[in-house]
Amino acid sequence: MDILEEHCFPWAEQHFRDSWWCFQQGGAPGHKAIETQQFLSENCPDFIKVDTHWRCADSEWPPSSPDLNPLDYAVWSILEEKACAKPHTTVESLKRALIKAWDEISVDT
């Protein structure tokens, strides 16, 4: 939630301004947390809800759809190819490589 507040939302505000936009998180456990879902419902103009529990099938998107999960099906492969072209000896080195690779991805992608 801190990353969203500090990075994602300011970026969205800068790029989308008054235009409508919709946020979709991935299927990681932290993304499904009730607290995270509540935070998104309060801070996003719209977001695509995930199932908060396997017994509570109340999501609005299929978990394995390439069209609805561009980070899982496209962006991560680009980041991995660029950032992991050589081995990293530290987590900080990997972080720097990921940030550099992210910055090199065009908006068109």
N, C-alpha and C. Protein backbone atom coordinates (compact mmCIF):
# COMPACT_ATOMS: atom_id res chain seq x y z
N MET A 1 0.82 -1.18 0.00
CA MET A 1 0.00 0.00 0.00
C MET A 1 0.87 1.25 0.00
N ASP A 2 2.01 1.19 0.70
CA ASP A 2 2.93 2.33 0.69
C ASP A 2 3.45 2.59 -0.73
N ILE A 3 3.80 1.53 -1.44
CA ILE A 3 4.31 1.68 -2.81
C ILE A 3 3.23 2.30 -3.71
N LEU A 4 2.01 1.86 -3.53
CA LEU A 4 0.92 2.43 -4.33
C LEU A 4 0.78 3.92 -4.04
N GLU A 5 0.76 4.28 -2.76
CA GLU A 5 0.60 5.69 -2.37
C GLU A 5 1.76 6.56 -2.82
N GLU A 6 2.98 6.02 -2.68
CA GLU A 6 4.17 6.82 -2.96
C GLU A 6 4.55 6.84 -4.44
N HIS A 7 4.22 5.78 -5.19
CA HIS A 7 4.70 5.69 -6.57
C HIS A 7 3.58 5.53 -7.61
N CYS A 8 2.73 4.54 -7.42
CA CYS A 8 1.72 4.24 -8.43
C CYS A 8 0.68 5.34 -8.58
N PHE A 9 0.09 5.77 -7.49
CA PHE A 9 -0.96 6.77 -7.58
C PHE A 9 -0.44 8.11 -8.11
N PRO A 10 0.73 8.60 -7.66
CA PRO A 10 1.26 9.83 -8.27
C PRO A 10 1.53 9.67 -9.77
N TRP A 11 2.05 8.49 -10.18
CA TRP A 11 2.29 8.24 -11.59
C TRP A 11 0.97 8.27 -12.36
N ALA A 12 -0.05 7.60 -11.84
CA ALA A 12 -1.36 7.57 -12.49
C ALA A 12 -1.94 8.97 -12.60
N GLU A 13 -1.81 9.76 -11.55
CA GLU A 13 -2.32 11.13 -11.55
C GLU A 13 -1.62 11.95 -12.64
N GLN A 14 -0.31 11.78 -12.75
CA GLN A 14 0.46 12.51 -13.75
C GLN A 14 0.07 12.10 -15.17
N HIS A 15 -0.12 10.82 -15.39
CA HIS A 15 -0.37 10.32 -16.75
C HIS A 15 -1.84 10.35 -17.16
N PHE A 16 -2.74 10.12 -16.23
CA PHE A 16 -4.15 10.04 -16.57
C PHE A 16 -4.93 11.31 -16.24
N ARG A 17 -4.37 12.12 -15.36
CA ARG A 17 -5.01 13.36 -14.92
C ARG A 17 -6.48 13.13 -14.55
N ASP A 18 -7.39 13.73 -15.27
CA ASP A 18 -8.81 13.60 -14.95
C ASP A 18 -9.48 12.43 -15.67
N SER A 19 -8.72 11.68 -16.44
CA SER A 19 -9.30 10.55 -17.16
C SER A 19 -9.58 9.40 -16.20
N TRP A 20 -10.56 8.60 -16.55
CA TRP A 20 -10.89 7.43 -15.76
C TRP A 20 -9.80 6.39 -15.96
N TRP A 21 -9.44 5.69 -14.89
CA TRP A 21 -8.51 4.58 -14.99
C TRP A 21 -8.91 3.52 -13.98
N CYS A 22 -8.47 2.32 -14.24
CA CYS A 22 -8.83 1.18 -13.39
C CYS A 22 -7.56 0.46 -12.99
N PHE A 23 -7.44 0.10 -11.73
CA PHE A 23 -6.26 -0.59 -11.22
C PHE A 23 -6.56 -2.07 -11.02
N GLN A 24 -5.62 -2.91 -11.43
CA GLN A 24 -5.75 -4.34 -11.17
C GLN A 24 -4.48 -4.84 -10.53
N GLN A 25 -4.60 -5.43 -9.39
CA GLN A 25 -3.47 -6.03 -8.71
C GLN A 25 -3.32 -7.48 -9.15
N GLY A 26 -2.18 -8.08 -8.82
CA GLY A 26 -1.96 -9.47 -9.16
C GLY A 26 -2.61 -10.39 -8.13
N GLY A 27 -2.33 -11.65 -8.24
CA GLY A 27 -2.95 -12.63 -7.36
C GLY A 27 -2.12 -13.02 -6.15
N ALA A 28 -1.07 -12.26 -5.84
CA ALA A 28 -0.25 -12.55 -4.67
C ALA A 28 -1.09 -12.45 -3.40
N PRO A 29 -0.78 -13.24 -2.39
CA PRO A 29 -1.57 -13.24 -1.15
C PRO A 29 -1.77 -11.84 -0.54
N GLY A 30 -0.74 -11.03 -0.54
CA GLY A 30 -0.86 -9.68 0.01
C GLY A 30 -1.83 -8.81 -0.76
N HIS A 31 -1.96 -9.08 -2.06
CA HIS A 31 -2.88 -8.31 -2.89
C HIS A 31 -4.33 -8.68 -2.60
N LYS A 32 -4.53 -9.90 -2.12
CA LYS A 32 -5.87 -10.39 -1.84
C LYS A 32 -6.36 -10.04 -0.44
N ALA A 33 -5.47 -9.52 0.38
CA ALA A 33 -5.83 -9.23 1.76
C ALA A 33 -7.01 -8.27 1.84
N ILE A 34 -7.88 -8.50 2.78
CA ILE A 34 -9.05 -7.64 2.96
C ILE A 34 -8.63 -6.19 3.16
N GLU A 35 -7.57 -5.97 3.93
CA GLU A 35 -7.06 -4.61 4.17
C GLU A 35 -6.63 -3.96 2.84
N THR A 36 -5.98 -4.71 1.97
CA THR A 36 -5.55 -4.18 0.68
C THR A 36 -6.76 -3.86 -0.20
N GLN A 37 -7.72 -4.76 -0.23
CA GLN A 37 -8.93 -4.54 -1.02
C GLN A 37 -9.67 -3.29 -0.54
N GLN A 38 -9.74 -3.10 0.77
CA GLN A 38 -10.39 -1.92 1.34
C GLN A 38 -9.64 -0.66 0.95
N PHE A 39 -8.30 -0.71 1.06
CA PHE A 39 -7.46 0.43 0.69
C PHE A 39 -7.70 0.82 -0.77
N LEU A 40 -7.74 -0.16 -1.66
CA LEU A 40 -7.96 0.12 -3.07
C LEU A 40 -9.34 0.70 -3.33
N SER A 41 -10.34 0.17 -2.65
CA SER A 41 -11.69 0.69 -2.86
C SER A 41 -11.81 2.14 -2.40
N GLU A 42 -10.99 2.55 -1.44
CA GLU A 42 -11.03 3.91 -0.93
C GLU A 42 -10.13 4.87 -1.70
N ASN A 43 -9.11 4.34 -2.42
CA ASN A 43 -8.10 5.21 -3.02
C ASN A 43 -8.01 5.16 -4.54
N CYS A 44 -8.72 4.28 -5.19
CA CYS A 44 -8.69 4.19 -6.65
C CYS A 44 -10.03 4.61 -7.22
N PRO A 45 -10.00 5.24 -8.39
CA PRO A 45 -11.28 5.57 -9.01
C PRO A 45 -12.07 4.29 -9.33
N ASP A 46 -11.34 3.23 -9.61
CA ASP A 46 -11.94 1.92 -9.85
C ASP A 46 -10.82 0.89 -9.72
N PHE A 47 -11.17 -0.31 -9.31
CA PHE A 47 -10.18 -1.37 -9.29
C PHE A 47 -10.89 -2.69 -9.50
N ILE A 48 -10.13 -3.68 -9.98
CA ILE A 48 -10.70 -4.99 -10.27
C ILE A 48 -10.43 -5.87 -9.06
N LYS A 49 -11.48 -6.23 -8.38
CA LYS A 49 -11.42 -6.96 -7.12
C LYS A 49 -10.98 -8.42 -7.33
N VAL A 50 -10.16 -8.91 -6.40
CA VAL A 50 -9.75 -10.32 -6.42
C VAL A 50 -10.52 -11.07 -5.34
N ASP A 51 -10.53 -12.40 -5.44
CA ASP A 51 -11.12 -13.20 -4.37
C ASP A 51 -10.30 -13.01 -3.11
N THR A 52 -10.93 -12.69 -2.01
CA THR A 52 -10.21 -12.51 -0.75
C THR A 52 -9.97 -13.84 -0.06
N HIS A 53 -10.68 -14.87 -0.49
CA HIS A 53 -10.52 -16.21 0.10
C HIS A 53 -11.11 -17.21 -0.89
N TRP A 54 -10.56 -18.42 -0.92
CA TRP A 54 -11.06 -19.41 -1.88
C TRP A 54 -12.52 -19.76 -1.66
N ARG A 55 -13.00 -19.54 -0.44
CA ARG A 55 -14.42 -19.80 -0.16
C ARG A 55 -15.31 -18.61 -0.51
N CYS A 56 -14.70 -17.50 -0.86
CA CYS A 56 -15.44 -16.27 -1.16
C CYS A 56 -15.14 -15.87 -2.60
N ALA A 57 -15.79 -16.51 -3.54
CA ALA A 57 -15.56 -16.25 -4.96
C ALA A 57 -16.31 -14.99 -5.39
N ASP A 58 -15.78 -13.85 -5.00
CA ASP A 58 -16.44 -12.58 -5.33
C ASP A 58 -15.59 -11.69 -6.22
N SER A 59 -14.63 -12.29 -6.90
CA SER A 59 -13.74 -11.47 -7.73
C SER A 59 -14.44 -11.03 -9.00
N GLU A 60 -13.80 -10.08 -9.68
CA GLU A 60 -14.34 -9.53 -10.91
C GLU A 60 -13.49 -9.87 -12.13
N TRP A 61 -12.45 -10.65 -11.94
CA TRP A 61 -11.59 -10.99 -13.06
C TRP A 61 -11.06 -12.41 -12.93
N PRO A 62 -10.85 -13.09 -14.08
CA PRO A 62 -10.29 -14.44 -14.04
C PRO A 62 -8.80 -14.38 -13.73
N PRO A 63 -8.30 -15.26 -12.87
CA PRO A 63 -6.91 -15.17 -12.43
C PRO A 63 -5.87 -15.54 -13.48
N SER A 64 -6.23 -16.19 -14.56
CA SER A 64 -5.24 -16.63 -15.53
C SER A 64 -5.49 -16.05 -16.92
N SER A 65 -5.94 -14.84 -16.99
CA SER A 65 -6.23 -14.22 -18.27
C SER A 65 -5.07 -13.32 -18.71
N PRO A 66 -4.39 -13.66 -19.82
CA PRO A 66 -3.30 -12.80 -20.30
C PRO A 66 -3.77 -11.39 -20.63
N ASP A 67 -5.02 -11.25 -21.08
CA ASP A 67 -5.53 -9.92 -21.41
C ASP A 67 -5.71 -9.04 -20.18
N LEU A 68 -6.01 -9.65 -19.05
CA LEU A 68 -6.27 -8.88 -17.84
C LEU A 68 -5.09 -8.85 -16.87
N ASN A 69 -4.05 -9.58 -17.19
CA ASN A 69 -2.88 -9.65 -16.31
C ASN A 69 -1.60 -9.33 -17.08
N PRO A 70 -1.49 -8.13 -17.65
CA PRO A 70 -0.31 -7.83 -18.47
C PRO A 70 1.01 -7.92 -17.70
N LEU A 71 0.99 -7.60 -16.39
CA LEU A 71 2.24 -7.73 -15.63
C LEU A 71 2.70 -9.17 -15.58
N ASP A 72 1.78 -10.10 -15.33
CA ASP A 72 2.15 -11.50 -15.22
C ASP A 72 2.55 -12.10 -16.57
N TYR A 73 1.91 -11.67 -17.65
CA TYR A 73 2.11 -12.32 -18.93
C TYR A 73 3.01 -11.56 -19.90
N ALA A 74 3.33 -10.33 -19.64
CA ALA A 74 4.15 -9.57 -20.58
C ALA A 74 5.28 -8.83 -19.88
N VAL A 75 4.93 -7.97 -18.95
CA VAL A 75 5.94 -7.08 -18.37
C VAL A 75 7.00 -7.85 -17.58
N TRP A 76 6.58 -8.84 -16.79
CA TRP A 76 7.59 -9.58 -16.01
C TRP A 76 8.59 -10.28 -16.91
N SER A 77 8.15 -10.81 -18.05
CA SER A 77 9.09 -11.48 -18.95
C SER A 77 10.08 -10.49 -19.54
N ILE A 78 9.62 -9.27 -19.84
CA ILE A 78 10.52 -8.23 -20.34
C ILE A 78 11.53 -7.86 -19.26
N LEU A 79 11.03 -7.64 -18.04
CA LEU A 79 11.93 -7.29 -16.94
C LEU A 79 12.95 -8.39 -16.68
N GLU A 80 12.47 -9.62 -16.67
CA GLU A 80 13.38 -10.74 -16.41
C GLU A 80 14.46 -10.84 -17.48
N GLU A 81 14.06 -10.70 -18.73
CA GLU A 81 15.03 -10.79 -19.83
C GLU A 81 16.10 -9.71 -19.71
N LYS A 82 15.67 -8.49 -19.41
CA LYS A 82 16.62 -7.38 -19.34
C LYS A 82 17.44 -7.40 -18.05
N ALA A 83 16.77 -7.58 -16.92
CA ALA A 83 17.43 -7.45 -15.62
C ALA A 83 18.24 -8.68 -15.25
N CYS A 84 17.89 -9.82 -15.78
CA CYS A 84 18.56 -11.06 -15.38
C CYS A 84 19.44 -11.62 -16.49
N ALA A 85 19.84 -10.77 -17.41
CA ALA A 85 20.73 -11.21 -18.48
C ALA A 85 22.06 -11.68 -17.90
N LYS A 86 22.42 -11.13 -16.76
CA LYS A 86 23.63 -11.58 -16.05
C LYS A 86 23.26 -11.82 -14.59
N PRO A 87 23.97 -12.72 -13.93
CA PRO A 87 23.66 -13.01 -12.52
C PRO A 87 23.97 -11.81 -11.62
N HIS A 88 23.23 -11.72 -10.54
CA HIS A 88 23.43 -10.64 -9.57
C HIS A 88 23.95 -11.25 -8.27
N THR A 89 24.90 -10.59 -7.68
CA THR A 89 25.49 -11.10 -6.44
C THR A 89 24.80 -10.56 -5.20
N THR A 90 23.99 -9.50 -5.37
CA THR A 90 23.28 -8.93 -4.23
C THR A 90 21.85 -8.59 -4.64
N VAL A 91 21.00 -8.48 -3.65
CA VAL A 91 19.62 -8.07 -3.90
C VAL A 91 19.60 -6.64 -4.43
N GLU A 92 20.47 -5.79 -3.91
CA GLU A 92 20.53 -4.40 -4.36
C GLU A 92 20.90 -4.31 -5.83
N SER A 93 21.79 -5.14 -6.28
CA SER A 93 22.16 -5.17 -7.70
C SER A 93 20.96 -5.56 -8.56
N LEU A 94 20.22 -6.56 -8.11
CA LEU A 94 19.02 -6.98 -8.83
C LEU A 94 17.98 -5.86 -8.84
N LYS A 95 17.79 -5.20 -7.71
CA LYS A 95 16.84 -4.08 -7.65
C LYS A 95 17.21 -2.98 -8.64
N ARG A 96 18.48 -2.63 -8.67
CA ARG A 96 18.94 -1.58 -9.61
C ARG A 96 18.68 -2.00 -11.05
N ALA A 97 18.96 -3.26 -11.36
CA ALA A 97 18.75 -3.76 -12.72
C ALA A 97 17.27 -3.76 -13.07
N LEU A 98 16.41 -4.12 -12.13
CA LEU A 98 14.97 -4.11 -12.39
C LEU A 98 14.45 -2.69 -12.62
N ILE A 99 14.92 -1.75 -11.82
CA ILE A 99 14.49 -0.36 -11.98
C ILE A 99 14.97 0.18 -13.34
N LYS A 100 16.20 -0.14 -13.70
CA LYS A 100 16.72 0.29 -15.00
C LYS A 100 15.90 -0.32 -16.13
N ALA A 101 15.62 -1.62 -16.04
CA ALA A 101 14.82 -2.30 -17.07
C ALA A 101 13.42 -1.70 -17.14
N TRP A 102 12.81 -1.42 -15.99
CA TRP A 102 11.47 -0.82 -15.96
C TRP A 102 11.48 0.53 -16.66
N ASP A 103 12.50 1.34 -16.37
CA ASP A 103 12.58 2.67 -16.97
C ASP A 103 12.76 2.61 -18.49
N GLU A 104 13.30 1.51 -19.00
CA GLU A 104 13.53 1.35 -20.43
C GLU A 104 12.31 0.84 -21.19
N ILE A 105 11.28 0.38 -20.48
CA ILE A 105 10.07 -0.10 -21.14
C ILE A 105 9.28 1.10 -21.64
N SER A 106 8.92 1.08 -22.90
CA SER A 106 8.19 2.20 -23.46
C SER A 106 6.74 2.18 -23.00
N VAL A 107 6.10 3.34 -23.00
CA VAL A 107 4.70 3.44 -22.63
C VAL A 107 3.85 2.63 -23.62
N ASP A 108 4.27 2.58 -24.87
CA ASP A 108 3.53 1.81 -25.88
C ASP A 108 3.47 0.33 -25.54
N THR A 109 4.53 -0.19 -24.90
CA THR A 109 4.54 -1.59 -24.52
C THR A 109 3.46 -1.84 -23.50
